[in-house]
Amino acid sequence: MAHLVLPDTQADTQQNQKSHFLPTLFITLFIIEINNNQTNMIQEYLNEQFIQTTEDANFEKLKKTCADIAKKISKDKAKILAYSLIAFDPEVPADNKEIAEIKTLIIDNWQTFLSNSKDTTLTIIRAVMLDALQAASKETSSACLIWFASRNAFKYYKLGREKDMLTAFLKEVANRIEGEVSESWDFNPDYEIEIPKVSAATIDEADLAAGVTSASIKDAVGKAFKRQIAELKENQKQFANQVALMQMRTQLLWWKEAGYSPLQKTIYKNMKEGQLQVLLAYDYSDFIPEMYPVSVDYFLIETLKCLSASADKKTKISDFLKMVEQCNSELKNILPDFTSDDGRISFANFIQGLVHGKYQTKQFKSLVGVVDSTELTLAEITLWLFHDLHSIKLSTSK
């Protein structure tokens, strides 16, 4: 089977940068093969004996719950985001709001669930969530949301025996996204859009089969021109997309060279560490559309490296949070306030709450799910924040 590797899991960074240029046909064939052989997550958990049930009828009840939840979240992007933040984490608290909600839905279909699941209750609930996310990921926008929301924290969860299976799930999602969006981001200055000639509109003889009358001629001509108009609109859309892509790339290059923050209304060179990474993530997120190829991530990293000599410096998350606290006065008037009762939030949302005095640094593990002694480069932190902001943007899109 053909194999693609996620950009940020490859050892060779040069290979990372080239991965999105793989031929579209190759990627498409890879995706088709995966989709044809893909097993539902709930079945995967059973196959790997992460969950157990002694009766087929009980497993059918779980599958019904999975289908019910998948249908429920298919048009609820906010719920997809909430599930993505916790479903991959084996250490998510059992009293989490989303966990309690899924447990209730399972019990609705399987009344003896708690007495039968015993030590695997939380794992079964997560498996049901993941199955629903897998179903939702068939739609590209939802796939992007799942990928951006989970990809960074996922690396630092204690996954145990689930690691290979969950990694395979996210890799499939990431590769499919790359295959679908990379072609739309290709820009060729010599690209020509074929414009049909309205004067060559052809009347279908079948439209006149019943006999030639002024009414039938008028109707046939009308149909011909409607077809021409539809073709013109499609070509106009292609042209507009090409122009928009070119404008965005020009704007990004200008932004990088100017080194100016639209949000802060000052140059990045004047900013402290902590403030710089947060504002770069926010400003960049405003430029980038909902779906993009992996090369966009590398552009952000290179922009940071042009502005900070510490971009590749390993820093504990706790130390980065202290940097942010030292910039509270600069960030408070720019970042929106944030509070949540859900129990699990993103890194970017934690920064918002921290700046506005709603959270303390010691709450990072309980709220984000990753220990704050984890070391990352400032470039990795910037990218994490950007991905979080992008997932939030996707969760509010229609």
Protein backbone atom coordinates (compact mmCIF):
# COMPACT_ATOMS: atom_id res chain seq x y z
CA MET A 1 0.00 0.00 0.00
CA ALA A 2 1.19 3.51 -0.74
CA HIS A 3 2.12 5.40 2.42
CA LEU A 4 2.14 9.07 3.31
CA VAL A 5 3.65 10.39 6.53
CA LEU A 6 2.33 13.38 8.45
CA PRO A 7 4.52 16.43 7.91
CA ASP A 8 5.33 17.00 11.58
CA THR A 9 6.06 13.34 12.29
CA GLN A 10 8.82 13.03 9.72
CA ALA A 11 12.44 13.19 10.78
CA ASP A 12 13.54 14.97 7.62
CA THR A 13 12.31 18.56 7.61
CA GLN A 14 13.19 18.97 3.94
CA GLN A 15 10.91 16.03 3.15
CA ASN A 16 8.23 17.71 5.25
CA GLN A 17 8.30 20.77 3.06
CA LYS A 18 7.98 18.70 -0.11
CA SER A 19 5.17 16.40 1.04
CA HIS A 20 2.31 18.52 -0.29
CA PHE A 21 3.71 18.42 -3.82
CA LEU A 22 3.01 14.68 -4.20
CA PRO A 23 0.97 14.04 -7.35
CA THR A 24 -2.73 14.50 -6.77
CA LEU A 25 -3.56 11.18 -8.46
CA PHE A 26 -1.18 9.34 -6.11
CA ILE A 27 -2.83 10.92 -3.07
CA THR A 28 -6.31 10.24 -4.40
CA LEU A 29 -5.57 6.55 -4.96
CA PHE A 30 -4.11 6.35 -1.46
CA ILE A 31 -7.24 7.93 0.02
CA ILE A 32 -9.57 5.61 -1.90
CA GLU A 33 -7.66 2.56 -0.68
CA ILE A 34 -7.79 3.73 2.93
CA ASN A 35 -11.50 4.55 2.79
CA ASN A 36 -12.34 1.17 1.26
CA ASN A 37 -10.49 -0.68 4.03
CA GLN A 38 -11.32 1.62 6.92
CA THR A 39 -12.83 0.05 10.03
CA ASN A 40 -15.08 2.05 12.32
CA MET A 41 -13.33 3.21 15.48
CA ILE A 42 -15.74 1.42 17.80
CA GLN A 43 -14.96 -1.84 15.97
CA GLU A 44 -11.22 -1.08 16.14
CA TYR A 45 -11.42 -0.70 19.91
CA LEU A 46 -13.23 -4.01 20.16
CA ASN A 47 -10.80 -5.76 17.82
CA GLU A 48 -7.82 -4.53 19.84
CA GLN A 49 -9.60 -5.58 23.06
CA PHE A 50 -9.45 -2.07 24.49
CA ILE A 51 -13.14 -2.57 25.20
CA GLN A 52 -15.02 -5.81 25.77
CA THR A 53 -18.61 -6.93 25.55
CA THR A 54 -19.84 -10.47 26.04
CA GLU A 55 -23.04 -10.04 24.04
CA ASP A 56 -23.43 -9.00 20.42
CA ALA A 57 -26.65 -7.22 21.32
CA ASN A 58 -24.76 -4.84 23.61
CA PHE A 59 -22.26 -4.02 20.89
CA GLU A 60 -25.14 -3.27 18.52
CA LYS A 61 -26.47 -0.84 21.12
CA LEU A 62 -23.09 0.91 21.14
CA LYS A 63 -23.11 1.10 17.35
CA LYS A 64 -26.58 2.65 17.44
CA THR A 65 -25.34 5.25 19.92
CA CYS A 66 -22.38 6.00 17.63
CA ALA A 67 -24.73 6.54 14.69
CA ASP A 68 -27.05 8.75 16.76
CA ILE A 69 -24.17 10.94 17.95
CA ALA A 70 -22.59 11.13 14.50
CA LYS A 71 -25.88 12.41 13.11
CA LYS A 72 -26.21 14.87 16.00
CA ILE A 73 -22.78 16.46 15.57
CA SER A 74 -22.72 16.43 11.75
CA LYS A 75 -24.05 19.99 11.68
CA ASP A 76 -22.71 21.10 15.07
CA LYS A 77 -19.12 22.26 14.57
CA ALA A 78 -18.83 23.51 18.16
CA LYS A 79 -19.59 19.99 19.40
CA ILE A 80 -17.02 18.51 17.00
CA LEU A 81 -14.44 20.88 18.48
CA ALA A 82 -15.38 19.92 22.04
CA TYR A 83 -15.11 16.19 21.25
CA SER A 84 -11.79 16.67 19.43
CA LEU A 85 -10.24 18.23 22.54
CA ILE A 86 -10.97 15.24 24.76
CA ALA A 87 -11.68 12.07 22.75
CA PHE A 88 -8.01 11.28 22.09
CA ASP A 89 -6.95 11.71 25.74
CA PRO A 90 -7.13 8.52 27.87
CA GLU A 91 -6.68 10.68 30.99
CA VAL A 92 -9.66 12.96 30.39
CA PRO A 93 -11.54 13.37 33.71
CA ALA A 94 -14.61 11.15 34.05
CA ASP A 95 -16.67 14.13 35.24
CA ASN A 96 -16.02 16.10 32.05
CA LYS A 97 -19.23 17.63 30.68
CA GLU A 98 -18.94 15.95 27.26
CA ILE A 99 -18.06 12.59 28.80
CA ALA A 100 -21.14 12.76 31.04
CA GLU A 101 -23.28 13.63 28.02
CA ILE A 102 -22.08 10.63 26.00
CA LYS A 103 -22.55 8.34 29.00
CA THR A 104 -26.20 9.40 29.24
CA LEU A 105 -26.73 8.76 25.52
CA ILE A 106 -25.21 5.28 25.81
CA ILE A 107 -27.42 4.45 28.78
CA ASP A 108 -30.48 5.54 26.77
CA ASN A 109 -29.74 2.62 24.40
CA TRP A 110 -28.09 0.25 26.89
CA GLN A 111 -29.60 0.54 30.36
CA THR A 112 -27.09 -1.84 32.01
CA PHE A 113 -24.06 -0.06 30.50
CA LEU A 114 -22.43 0.98 33.78
CA SER A 115 -22.73 -2.42 35.43
CA ASN A 116 -21.43 -4.19 32.32
CA SER A 117 -18.56 -1.85 31.41
CA LYS A 118 -16.86 -1.75 34.83
CA ASP A 119 -13.22 -0.58 34.39
CA THR A 120 -13.61 0.26 30.69
CA THR A 121 -16.46 2.78 31.00
CA LEU A 122 -14.35 5.81 30.09
CA THR A 123 -12.62 3.98 27.23
CA ILE A 124 -15.97 2.95 25.74
CA ILE A 125 -17.25 6.52 25.97
CA ARG A 126 -14.14 7.80 24.20
CA ALA A 127 -14.44 5.09 21.54
CA VAL A 128 -18.03 6.20 20.85
CA MET A 129 -16.82 9.81 20.56
CA LEU A 130 -14.02 8.85 18.21
CA ASP A 131 -16.40 6.83 16.05
CA ALA A 132 -18.65 9.89 15.73
CA LEU A 133 -15.65 12.06 14.88
CA GLN A 134 -14.56 9.56 12.25
CA ALA A 135 -17.98 9.79 10.62
CA ALA A 136 -17.89 13.61 10.79
CA SER A 137 -14.42 13.68 9.22
CA LYS A 138 -15.82 12.54 5.88
CA GLU A 139 -16.78 16.18 5.33
CA THR A 140 -13.61 18.19 4.60
CA SER A 141 -14.32 21.20 6.81
CA SER A 142 -15.06 18.94 9.79
CA ALA A 143 -11.93 16.89 9.04
CA CYS A 144 -9.87 20.09 9.18
CA LEU A 145 -11.50 21.05 12.47
CA ILE A 146 -10.69 17.67 14.05
CA TRP A 147 -7.13 17.78 12.75
CA PHE A 148 -6.29 21.32 13.89
CA ALA A 149 -7.97 20.92 17.29
CA SER A 150 -6.27 17.67 18.23
CA ARG A 151 -2.93 17.46 16.41
CA ASN A 152 -0.73 19.33 18.91
CA ALA A 153 -1.94 18.19 22.33
CA PHE A 154 -2.20 14.64 20.96
CA LYS A 155 1.59 14.33 20.87
CA TYR A 156 1.80 14.73 24.65
CA TYR A 157 -1.05 12.48 25.80
CA LYS A 158 -0.21 9.20 27.53
CA LEU A 159 -1.78 7.01 24.86
CA GLY A 160 -0.38 3.64 25.89
CA ARG A 161 -1.52 0.79 23.64
CA GLU A 162 -3.95 3.08 21.80
CA LYS A 163 -1.12 5.13 20.27
CA ASP A 164 -0.74 3.31 16.94
CA MET A 165 -4.47 3.13 16.28
CA LEU A 166 -5.15 6.79 17.12
CA THR A 167 -2.09 7.95 15.19
CA ALA A 168 -3.32 6.04 12.13
CA PHE A 169 -6.72 7.74 12.45
CA LEU A 170 -5.22 11.24 12.53
CA LYS A 171 -2.75 10.46 9.74
CA GLU A 172 -5.58 9.37 7.48
CA VAL A 173 -7.45 12.61 8.21
CA ALA A 174 -4.35 14.76 7.64
CA ASN A 175 -3.36 13.08 4.39
CA ARG A 176 -6.89 13.37 3.03
CA ILE A 177 -7.00 17.08 3.84
CA GLU A 178 -3.66 17.64 2.15
CA GLY A 179 -4.80 15.78 -0.94
CA GLU A 180 -7.99 17.80 -1.21
CA VAL A 181 -6.67 21.30 -0.54
CA SER A 182 -3.19 21.32 -2.05
CA GLU A 183 -4.48 21.33 -5.65
CA SER A 184 -6.74 24.32 -4.98
CA TRP A 185 -3.70 26.24 -3.65
CA ASP A 186 -1.57 25.64 -6.72
CA PHE A 187 -1.04 28.86 -8.64
CA ASN A 188 0.26 28.95 -12.19
CA PRO A 189 0.73 32.43 -13.72
CA ASP A 190 0.32 30.85 -17.17
CA TYR A 191 -2.98 29.22 -16.22
CA GLU A 192 -5.64 29.97 -18.84
CA ILE A 193 -9.35 29.86 -18.14
CA GLU A 194 -11.30 28.76 -21.18
CA ILE A 195 -14.14 31.20 -21.81
CA PRO A 196 -16.99 29.84 -23.96
CA LYS A 197 -18.28 32.00 -26.79
CA VAL A 198 -21.87 33.01 -26.19
CA SER A 199 -22.32 33.46 -29.94
CA ALA A 200 -21.71 29.73 -30.40
CA ALA A 201 -24.63 28.69 -28.24
CA THR A 202 -26.13 25.50 -29.62
CA ILE A 203 -29.85 24.77 -29.66
CA ASP A 204 -30.71 21.18 -28.85
CA GLU A 205 -32.86 19.83 -31.70
CA ALA A 206 -34.80 17.77 -29.16
CA ASP A 207 -36.21 21.03 -27.82
CA LEU A 208 -37.89 21.57 -31.20
CA ALA A 209 -39.04 18.01 -31.79
CA ALA A 210 -42.66 18.78 -31.02
CA GLY A 211 -42.81 21.29 -33.86
CA VAL A 212 -41.37 24.70 -34.56
CA THR A 213 -43.32 27.57 -33.08
CA SER A 214 -42.33 30.98 -31.82
CA ALA A 215 -42.77 29.68 -28.28
CA SER A 216 -40.62 26.59 -28.81
CA ILE A 217 -37.87 28.64 -30.45
CA LYS A 218 -37.94 31.10 -27.58
CA ASP A 219 -37.78 28.25 -25.07
CA ALA A 220 -34.93 26.46 -26.89
CA VAL A 221 -32.88 29.66 -27.20
CA GLY A 222 -33.50 30.39 -23.54
CA LYS A 223 -32.21 26.96 -22.51
CA ALA A 224 -29.11 27.40 -24.67
CA PHE A 225 -28.25 30.74 -23.13
CA LYS A 226 -28.87 29.42 -19.61
CA ARG A 227 -26.25 26.74 -20.28
CA GLN A 228 -23.84 29.40 -21.53
CA ILE A 229 -24.46 31.59 -18.50
CA ALA A 230 -23.81 28.64 -16.16
CA GLU A 231 -20.49 27.97 -17.91
CA LEU A 232 -19.54 31.65 -17.71
CA LYS A 233 -20.33 31.75 -13.99
CA GLU A 234 -18.18 28.68 -13.35
CA ASN A 235 -15.28 30.21 -15.28
CA GLN A 236 -15.79 33.49 -13.45
CA LYS A 237 -15.57 31.58 -10.15
CA GLN A 238 -12.31 29.91 -11.23
CA PHE A 239 -10.88 33.26 -12.23
CA ALA A 240 -11.96 34.87 -8.92
CA ASN A 241 -10.35 32.02 -6.96
CA GLN A 242 -7.08 32.45 -8.85
CA VAL A 243 -7.09 36.21 -8.25
CA ALA A 244 -7.92 35.76 -4.55
CA LEU A 245 -5.09 33.24 -4.16
CA MET A 246 -2.63 35.57 -5.83
CA GLN A 247 -3.77 38.51 -3.69
CA MET A 248 -3.46 36.51 -0.48
CA ARG A 249 0.06 35.34 -1.34
CA THR A 250 1.07 38.91 -2.16
CA GLN A 251 -0.44 40.12 1.10
CA LEU A 252 1.41 37.46 3.10
CA LEU A 253 4.74 38.36 1.52
CA TRP A 254 4.10 42.03 2.26
CA TRP A 255 3.15 41.20 5.86
CA LYS A 256 6.31 39.15 6.36
CA GLU A 257 8.60 41.80 4.87
CA ALA A 258 6.93 44.70 6.70
CA GLY A 259 7.00 42.88 10.04
CA TYR A 260 3.94 44.85 11.12
CA SER A 261 1.13 43.58 13.37
CA PRO A 262 -2.33 44.66 12.19
CA LEU A 263 -3.75 43.83 15.63
CA GLN A 264 -1.13 45.58 17.76
CA LYS A 265 -0.55 48.31 15.16
CA THR A 266 3.19 48.23 15.68
CA ILE A 267 6.18 46.32 14.33
CA TYR A 268 6.91 42.86 15.70
CA LYS A 269 10.54 43.78 16.43
CA ASN A 270 9.33 45.92 19.34
CA MET A 271 7.57 43.01 21.02
CA LYS A 272 8.67 40.83 23.92
CA GLU A 273 8.85 37.05 23.66
CA GLY A 274 5.43 35.68 24.51
CA GLN A 275 3.68 38.71 23.08
CA LEU A 276 5.37 38.10 19.71
CA GLN A 277 4.31 34.46 19.40
CA VAL A 278 0.71 35.13 20.44
CA LEU A 279 0.22 38.05 18.07
CA LEU A 280 1.89 36.29 15.14
CA ALA A 281 -0.57 33.41 15.57
CA TYR A 282 -3.55 35.78 15.75
CA ASP A 283 -2.49 37.97 12.83
CA TYR A 284 -1.65 34.98 10.63
CA SER A 285 -4.97 33.31 11.40
CA ASP A 286 -6.77 36.38 10.06
CA PHE A 287 -4.99 35.99 6.70
CA ILE A 288 -5.43 32.26 6.14
CA PRO A 289 -8.69 30.71 4.86
CA GLU A 290 -10.31 27.74 6.58
CA MET A 291 -8.47 25.03 4.63
CA TYR A 292 -4.85 25.15 3.57
CA PRO A 293 -1.87 22.88 2.70
CA VAL A 294 0.97 22.14 5.12
CA SER A 295 3.31 24.64 3.41
CA VAL A 296 1.32 27.43 5.08
CA ASP A 297 2.58 26.23 8.48
CA TYR A 298 6.17 26.52 7.33
CA PHE A 299 5.63 30.08 6.14
CA LEU A 300 4.58 31.03 9.68
CA ILE A 301 7.62 29.31 11.19
CA GLU A 302 9.99 31.08 8.81
CA THR A 303 8.32 34.42 9.57
CA LEU A 304 8.93 33.88 13.29
CA LYS A 305 12.56 32.95 12.65
CA CYS A 306 13.05 36.26 10.82
CA LEU A 307 11.78 38.10 13.89
CA SER A 308 13.21 36.12 16.80
CA ALA A 309 16.59 34.51 17.36
CA SER A 310 14.92 32.27 19.97
CA ALA A 311 12.44 30.61 17.60
CA ASP A 312 14.14 27.21 17.91
CA LYS A 313 14.85 27.51 21.62
CA LYS A 314 13.24 24.81 23.78
CA THR A 315 11.01 26.36 26.41
CA LYS A 316 8.79 24.84 29.07
CA ILE A 317 5.13 25.70 28.62
CA SER A 318 5.12 27.07 32.18
CA ASP A 319 7.95 29.49 31.27
CA PHE A 320 6.12 30.59 28.12
CA LEU A 321 3.01 31.31 30.18
CA LYS A 322 5.13 33.52 32.46
CA MET A 323 6.32 35.41 29.37
CA VAL A 324 2.70 35.97 28.39
CA GLU A 325 1.80 37.19 31.88
CA GLN A 326 4.55 39.79 31.63
CA CYS A 327 2.80 41.14 28.52
CA ASN A 328 -0.71 41.26 30.02
CA SER A 329 -1.09 45.00 29.60
CA GLU A 330 -0.19 44.79 25.89
CA LEU A 331 -2.39 41.77 25.20
CA LYS A 332 -5.47 42.44 27.33
CA ASN A 333 -6.85 45.10 25.00
CA ILE A 334 -6.33 42.91 21.93
CA LEU A 335 -7.27 39.36 22.87
CA PRO A 336 -10.94 38.61 23.52
CA ASP A 337 -11.94 37.47 27.01
CA PHE A 338 -12.68 33.80 27.48
CA THR A 339 -14.32 31.58 30.07
CA SER A 340 -15.72 28.10 29.71
CA ASP A 341 -17.57 25.55 31.82
CA ASP A 342 -16.67 22.64 29.55
CA GLY A 343 -13.59 21.61 31.52
CA ARG A 344 -11.27 21.13 28.51
CA ILE A 345 -10.11 24.06 26.42
CA SER A 346 -7.47 24.81 23.80
CA PHE A 347 -4.04 26.38 24.41
CA ALA A 348 -5.18 29.56 22.66
CA ASN A 349 -8.30 29.81 24.84
CA PHE A 350 -6.17 29.29 27.95
CA ILE A 351 -3.97 32.22 26.88
CA GLN A 352 -7.07 34.40 26.52
CA GLY A 353 -8.32 33.46 29.98
CA LEU A 354 -4.85 33.90 31.48
CA VAL A 355 -4.44 37.39 30.05
CA HIS A 356 -7.83 38.43 31.42
CA GLY A 357 -7.17 36.96 34.87
CA LYS A 358 -9.67 34.08 34.56
CA TYR A 359 -7.07 31.30 34.76
CA GLN A 360 -3.81 30.71 36.60
CA THR A 361 -0.76 29.04 35.07
CA LYS A 362 -1.06 26.08 37.46
CA GLN A 363 -4.41 25.18 35.82
CA PHE A 364 -2.86 24.43 32.43
CA LYS A 365 -2.77 20.63 32.84
CA SER A 366 -6.33 20.35 34.14
CA LEU A 367 -7.75 22.63 31.44
CA VAL A 368 -5.63 21.82 28.36
CA GLY A 369 -4.65 18.23 29.21
CA VAL A 370 -0.88 18.62 28.81
CA VAL A 371 1.62 19.03 31.66
CA ASP A 372 3.14 22.51 31.73
CA SER A 373 6.65 21.11 32.17
CA THR A 374 6.48 19.95 28.52
CA GLU A 375 9.25 21.54 26.46
CA LEU A 376 8.59 22.93 22.98
CA THR A 377 10.35 25.41 20.75
CA LEU A 378 8.78 28.86 20.51
CA ALA A 379 8.09 28.04 16.85
CA GLU A 380 6.11 24.94 17.89
CA ILE A 381 4.14 26.97 20.43
CA THR A 382 3.34 29.62 17.80
CA LEU A 383 2.12 26.94 15.41
CA TRP A 384 0.04 25.30 18.14
CA LEU A 385 -1.69 28.60 18.91
CA PHE A 386 -2.32 29.20 15.19
CA HIS A 387 -3.88 25.75 14.80
CA ASP A 388 -6.10 26.35 17.83
CA LEU A 389 -7.30 29.66 16.43
CA HIS A 390 -7.98 27.98 13.12
CA SER A 391 -10.03 25.23 14.78
CA ILE A 392 -12.06 27.90 16.59
CA LYS A 393 -12.64 29.68 13.27
CA LEU A 394 -13.82 26.41 11.69
CA SER A 395 -16.11 25.65 14.65
CA THR A 396 -18.03 28.86 14.07
CA SER A 397 -18.26 28.61 10.27
CA LYS A 398 -21.43 27.47 8.54
